[in-house]
């Protein structure tokens, strides 16, 4: 009875335990992924111009690959028959 509010209704509770159909998505930001791949911290990038240029190059490469994948997916969606 302690879960009842003054009107007599119980408050809904979300289950903390997910069933077998629960999927958790962990989103990573591009810069953090590049820094983790290269093994640099943000302080290294700020203080070292060589590390800064290396991170910038990999970040640009990441963005270019992401964009080309998006373009390919859009082309497949528009032209499903492959003509």
N, C-alpha and C. Protein backbone atom coordinates (compact mmCIF):
# COMPACT_ATOMS: atom_id res chain seq x y z
N UNK A 1 0.80 -1.19 0.00
CA UNK A 1 0.00 0.00 0.00
C UNK A 1 0.85 1.27 0.00
N UNK A 2 2.15 1.15 0.22
CA UNK A 2 3.00 2.33 0.29
C UNK A 2 3.21 2.95 -1.08
N UNK A 3 2.94 2.21 -2.18
CA UNK A 3 3.13 2.74 -3.51
C UNK A 3 1.92 3.53 -4.00
N UNK A 4 0.88 3.64 -3.17
CA UNK A 4 -0.32 4.37 -3.58
C UNK A 4 -0.15 5.86 -3.32
N UNK A 5 -0.68 6.67 -4.23
CA UNK A 5 -0.68 8.11 -4.01
C UNK A 5 -1.97 8.50 -3.29
N UNK A 6 -2.20 9.76 -2.96
CA UNK A 6 -3.38 10.14 -2.19
C UNK A 6 -4.71 9.80 -2.88
N UNK A 7 -4.75 9.66 -4.19
CA UNK A 7 -5.98 9.31 -4.88
C UNK A 7 -6.23 7.81 -4.92
N UNK A 8 -5.30 7.03 -4.46
CA UNK A 8 -5.48 5.59 -4.41
C UNK A 8 -4.91 4.86 -5.61
N UNK A 9 -4.27 5.58 -6.51
CA UNK A 9 -3.67 4.93 -7.67
C UNK A 9 -2.21 4.62 -7.38
N UNK A 10 -1.76 3.52 -7.93
CA UNK A 10 -0.35 3.20 -7.75
C UNK A 10 0.44 3.88 -8.86
N UNK A 11 1.67 4.24 -8.56
CA UNK A 11 2.53 4.89 -9.55
C UNK A 11 3.18 3.82 -10.41
N UNK A 12 3.21 4.05 -11.73
CA UNK A 12 3.84 3.05 -12.60
C UNK A 12 5.35 3.02 -12.39
N UNK A 13 5.91 1.86 -12.45
CA UNK A 13 7.35 1.69 -12.27
C UNK A 13 7.92 1.00 -13.50
N UNK A 14 9.04 1.49 -13.95
CA UNK A 14 9.73 0.85 -15.06
C UNK A 14 10.60 -0.27 -14.54
N UNK A 15 10.61 -1.35 -15.24
CA UNK A 15 11.43 -2.48 -14.84
C UNK A 15 12.90 -2.18 -15.15
N UNK A 16 13.75 -2.44 -14.21
CA UNK A 16 15.18 -2.23 -14.42
C UNK A 16 15.82 -3.40 -15.16
N UNK A 17 15.16 -4.53 -15.13
CA UNK A 17 15.69 -5.71 -15.79
C UNK A 17 15.08 -5.82 -17.18
N UNK A 18 15.93 -5.84 -18.17
CA UNK A 18 15.44 -5.97 -19.54
C UNK A 18 15.26 -7.43 -19.89
N UNK A 19 14.26 -7.70 -20.68
CA UNK A 19 14.02 -9.05 -21.13
C UNK A 19 15.01 -9.44 -22.21
N UNK A 20 14.78 -10.58 -22.83
CA UNK A 20 15.72 -11.03 -23.87
C UNK A 20 15.66 -10.18 -25.14
N UNK A 21 14.60 -9.39 -25.32
CA UNK A 21 14.46 -8.59 -26.53
C UNK A 21 14.95 -7.16 -26.36
N UNK A 22 15.58 -6.86 -25.26
CA UNK A 22 16.07 -5.51 -25.00
C UNK A 22 17.44 -5.34 -25.63
N UNK A 23 17.60 -4.27 -26.37
CA UNK A 23 18.88 -3.99 -27.01
C UNK A 23 19.37 -2.62 -26.55
N UNK A 24 20.56 -2.56 -26.05
CA UNK A 24 21.12 -1.30 -25.59
C UNK A 24 22.11 -0.80 -26.62
N UNK A 25 22.00 0.48 -26.96
CA UNK A 25 22.86 1.08 -27.95
C UNK A 25 23.74 2.11 -27.25
N UNK A 26 25.03 1.96 -27.42
CA UNK A 26 25.98 2.91 -26.86
C UNK A 26 26.55 3.72 -28.02
N UNK A 27 26.24 5.00 -28.01
CA UNK A 27 26.68 5.85 -29.10
C UNK A 27 28.02 6.48 -28.75
N UNK A 28 28.96 6.40 -29.68
CA UNK A 28 30.27 6.99 -29.46
C UNK A 28 30.42 8.19 -30.38
N UNK A 29 31.01 9.21 -29.87
CA UNK A 29 31.24 10.39 -30.68
C UNK A 29 32.50 10.20 -31.52
N UNK A 30 32.48 10.77 -32.74
CA UNK A 30 33.61 10.54 -33.67
C UNK A 30 34.96 10.97 -33.11
N UNK A 31 35.04 12.13 -32.49
CA UNK A 31 36.33 12.59 -31.98
C UNK A 31 36.85 11.66 -30.89
N UNK A 32 35.98 11.20 -30.02
CA UNK A 32 36.42 10.27 -28.97
C UNK A 32 36.90 8.96 -29.56
N UNK A 33 36.24 8.50 -30.62
CA UNK A 33 36.68 7.26 -31.27
C UNK A 33 38.06 7.43 -31.88
N UNK A 34 38.29 8.57 -32.53
CA UNK A 34 39.60 8.82 -33.14
C UNK A 34 40.67 8.93 -32.07
N UNK A 35 40.38 9.64 -30.99
CA UNK A 35 41.36 9.78 -29.90
C UNK A 35 41.67 8.42 -29.28
N UNK A 36 40.65 7.58 -29.10
CA UNK A 36 40.89 6.25 -28.54
C UNK A 36 41.71 5.39 -29.49
N UNK A 37 41.44 5.52 -30.79
CA UNK A 37 42.18 4.73 -31.78
C UNK A 37 43.66 5.12 -31.79
N UNK A 38 43.93 6.42 -31.70
CA UNK A 38 45.31 6.89 -31.75
C UNK A 38 46.01 6.85 -30.40
N UNK A 39 45.24 6.75 -29.32
CA UNK A 39 45.84 6.70 -27.99
C UNK A 39 46.22 8.06 -27.45
N UNK A 40 45.60 9.12 -27.94
CA UNK A 40 45.87 10.48 -27.46
C UNK A 40 44.76 10.94 -26.53
N UNK A 41 45.11 11.87 -25.67
CA UNK A 41 44.10 12.56 -24.88
C UNK A 41 43.87 13.92 -25.51
N UNK A 42 42.86 14.61 -25.06
CA UNK A 42 42.57 15.94 -25.60
C UNK A 42 43.70 16.90 -25.25
N UNK A 43 44.37 16.69 -24.13
CA UNK A 43 45.51 17.53 -23.76
C UNK A 43 46.68 17.35 -24.73
N UNK A 44 46.90 16.11 -25.18
CA UNK A 44 47.95 15.87 -26.17
C UNK A 44 47.66 16.62 -27.47
N UNK A 45 46.40 16.63 -27.86
CA UNK A 45 46.02 17.29 -29.11
C UNK A 45 46.20 18.80 -28.99
N UNK A 46 45.89 19.35 -27.84
CA UNK A 46 46.01 20.80 -27.66
C UNK A 46 47.47 21.23 -27.60
N UNK A 47 48.30 20.47 -26.92
CA UNK A 47 49.68 20.88 -26.68
C UNK A 47 50.67 20.47 -27.76
N UNK A 48 50.37 19.45 -28.54
CA UNK A 48 51.32 18.92 -29.51
C UNK A 48 50.79 19.12 -30.94
N UNK A 49 51.46 19.94 -31.75
CA UNK A 49 50.95 20.17 -33.11
C UNK A 49 51.01 18.92 -34.00
N UNK A 50 51.95 18.03 -33.75
CA UNK A 50 52.03 16.80 -34.54
C UNK A 50 50.82 15.91 -34.24
N UNK A 51 50.49 15.77 -32.96
CA UNK A 51 49.32 14.98 -32.57
C UNK A 51 48.04 15.63 -33.11
N UNK A 52 48.00 16.96 -33.09
CA UNK A 52 46.83 17.68 -33.59
C UNK A 52 46.61 17.39 -35.07
N UNK A 53 47.68 17.44 -35.86
CA UNK A 53 47.54 17.17 -37.29
C UNK A 53 47.18 15.72 -37.57
N UNK A 54 47.73 14.81 -36.78
CA UNK A 54 47.41 13.40 -36.96
C UNK A 54 45.94 13.13 -36.64
N UNK A 55 45.45 13.69 -35.55
CA UNK A 55 44.04 13.52 -35.18
C UNK A 55 43.14 14.17 -36.22
N UNK A 56 43.53 15.34 -36.72
CA UNK A 56 42.75 16.02 -37.74
C UNK A 56 42.66 15.18 -39.01
N UNK A 57 43.75 14.58 -39.41
CA UNK A 57 43.76 13.74 -40.60
C UNK A 57 42.84 12.53 -40.46
N UNK A 58 42.93 11.84 -39.31
CA UNK A 58 42.08 10.68 -39.09
C UNK A 58 40.62 11.09 -38.95
N UNK A 59 40.35 12.25 -38.35
CA UNK A 59 38.98 12.73 -38.22
C UNK A 59 38.38 13.03 -39.59
N UNK A 60 39.17 13.67 -40.46
CA UNK A 60 38.69 13.95 -41.81
C UNK A 60 38.44 12.66 -42.58
N UNK A 61 39.32 11.69 -42.40
CA UNK A 61 39.13 10.39 -43.04
C UNK A 61 37.85 9.72 -42.54
N UNK A 62 37.62 9.78 -41.24
CA UNK A 62 36.40 9.22 -40.66
C UNK A 62 35.16 9.87 -41.26
N UNK A 63 35.15 11.19 -41.34
CA UNK A 63 34.00 11.90 -41.89
C UNK A 63 33.78 11.55 -43.36
N UNK A 64 34.85 11.41 -44.12
CA UNK A 64 34.74 11.08 -45.53
C UNK A 64 34.16 9.67 -45.71
N UNK A 65 34.61 8.73 -44.91
CA UNK A 65 34.10 7.36 -44.99
C UNK A 65 32.62 7.33 -44.59
N UNK A 66 32.26 8.03 -43.52
CA UNK A 66 30.87 8.09 -43.10
C UNK A 66 29.98 8.67 -44.19
N UNK A 67 30.43 9.74 -44.82
CA UNK A 67 29.64 10.37 -45.88
C UNK A 67 29.50 9.45 -47.08
N UNK A 68 30.56 8.76 -47.47
CA UNK A 68 30.45 7.86 -48.62
C UNK A 68 29.52 6.69 -48.30
N UNK A 69 29.50 6.22 -47.06
CA UNK A 69 28.56 5.16 -46.68
C UNK A 69 27.12 5.66 -46.75
N UNK A 70 26.88 6.89 -46.30
CA UNK A 70 25.54 7.47 -46.37
C UNK A 70 25.10 7.62 -47.82
N UNK A 71 25.99 8.06 -48.69
CA UNK A 71 25.65 8.22 -50.10
C UNK A 71 25.32 6.88 -50.73
N UNK A 72 26.10 5.85 -50.40
CA UNK A 72 25.84 4.52 -50.94
C UNK A 72 24.49 4.00 -50.47
N UNK A 73 24.16 4.21 -49.20
CA UNK A 73 22.87 3.77 -48.68
C UNK A 73 21.72 4.50 -49.36
N UNK A 74 21.88 5.81 -49.59
CA UNK A 74 20.83 6.57 -50.27
C UNK A 74 20.67 6.11 -51.71
N UNK A 75 21.76 5.85 -52.40
CA UNK A 75 21.67 5.38 -53.77
C UNK A 75 20.99 4.02 -53.85
N UNK A 76 21.27 3.15 -52.91
CA UNK A 76 20.59 1.85 -52.88
C UNK A 76 19.10 2.01 -52.61
N UNK A 77 18.74 2.95 -51.74
CA UNK A 77 17.33 3.16 -51.43
C UNK A 77 16.60 3.75 -52.63
N UNK A 78 17.23 4.65 -53.36
CA UNK A 78 16.59 5.29 -54.51
C UNK A 78 16.53 4.36 -55.70
N UNK A 79 17.55 3.53 -55.87
CA UNK A 79 17.64 2.67 -57.03
C UNK A 79 17.72 1.23 -56.56
N UNK A 80 16.58 0.73 -56.08
CA UNK A 80 16.56 -0.60 -55.46
C UNK A 80 16.83 -1.72 -56.46
N UNK A 81 16.55 -1.52 -57.73
CA UNK A 81 16.75 -2.57 -58.72
C UNK A 81 18.17 -2.60 -59.27
N UNK A 82 18.96 -1.60 -59.00
CA UNK A 82 20.34 -1.58 -59.44
C UNK A 82 20.50 -1.17 -60.89
N UNK A 83 19.59 -0.41 -61.40
CA UNK A 83 19.68 0.05 -62.79
C UNK A 83 20.48 1.29 -62.91
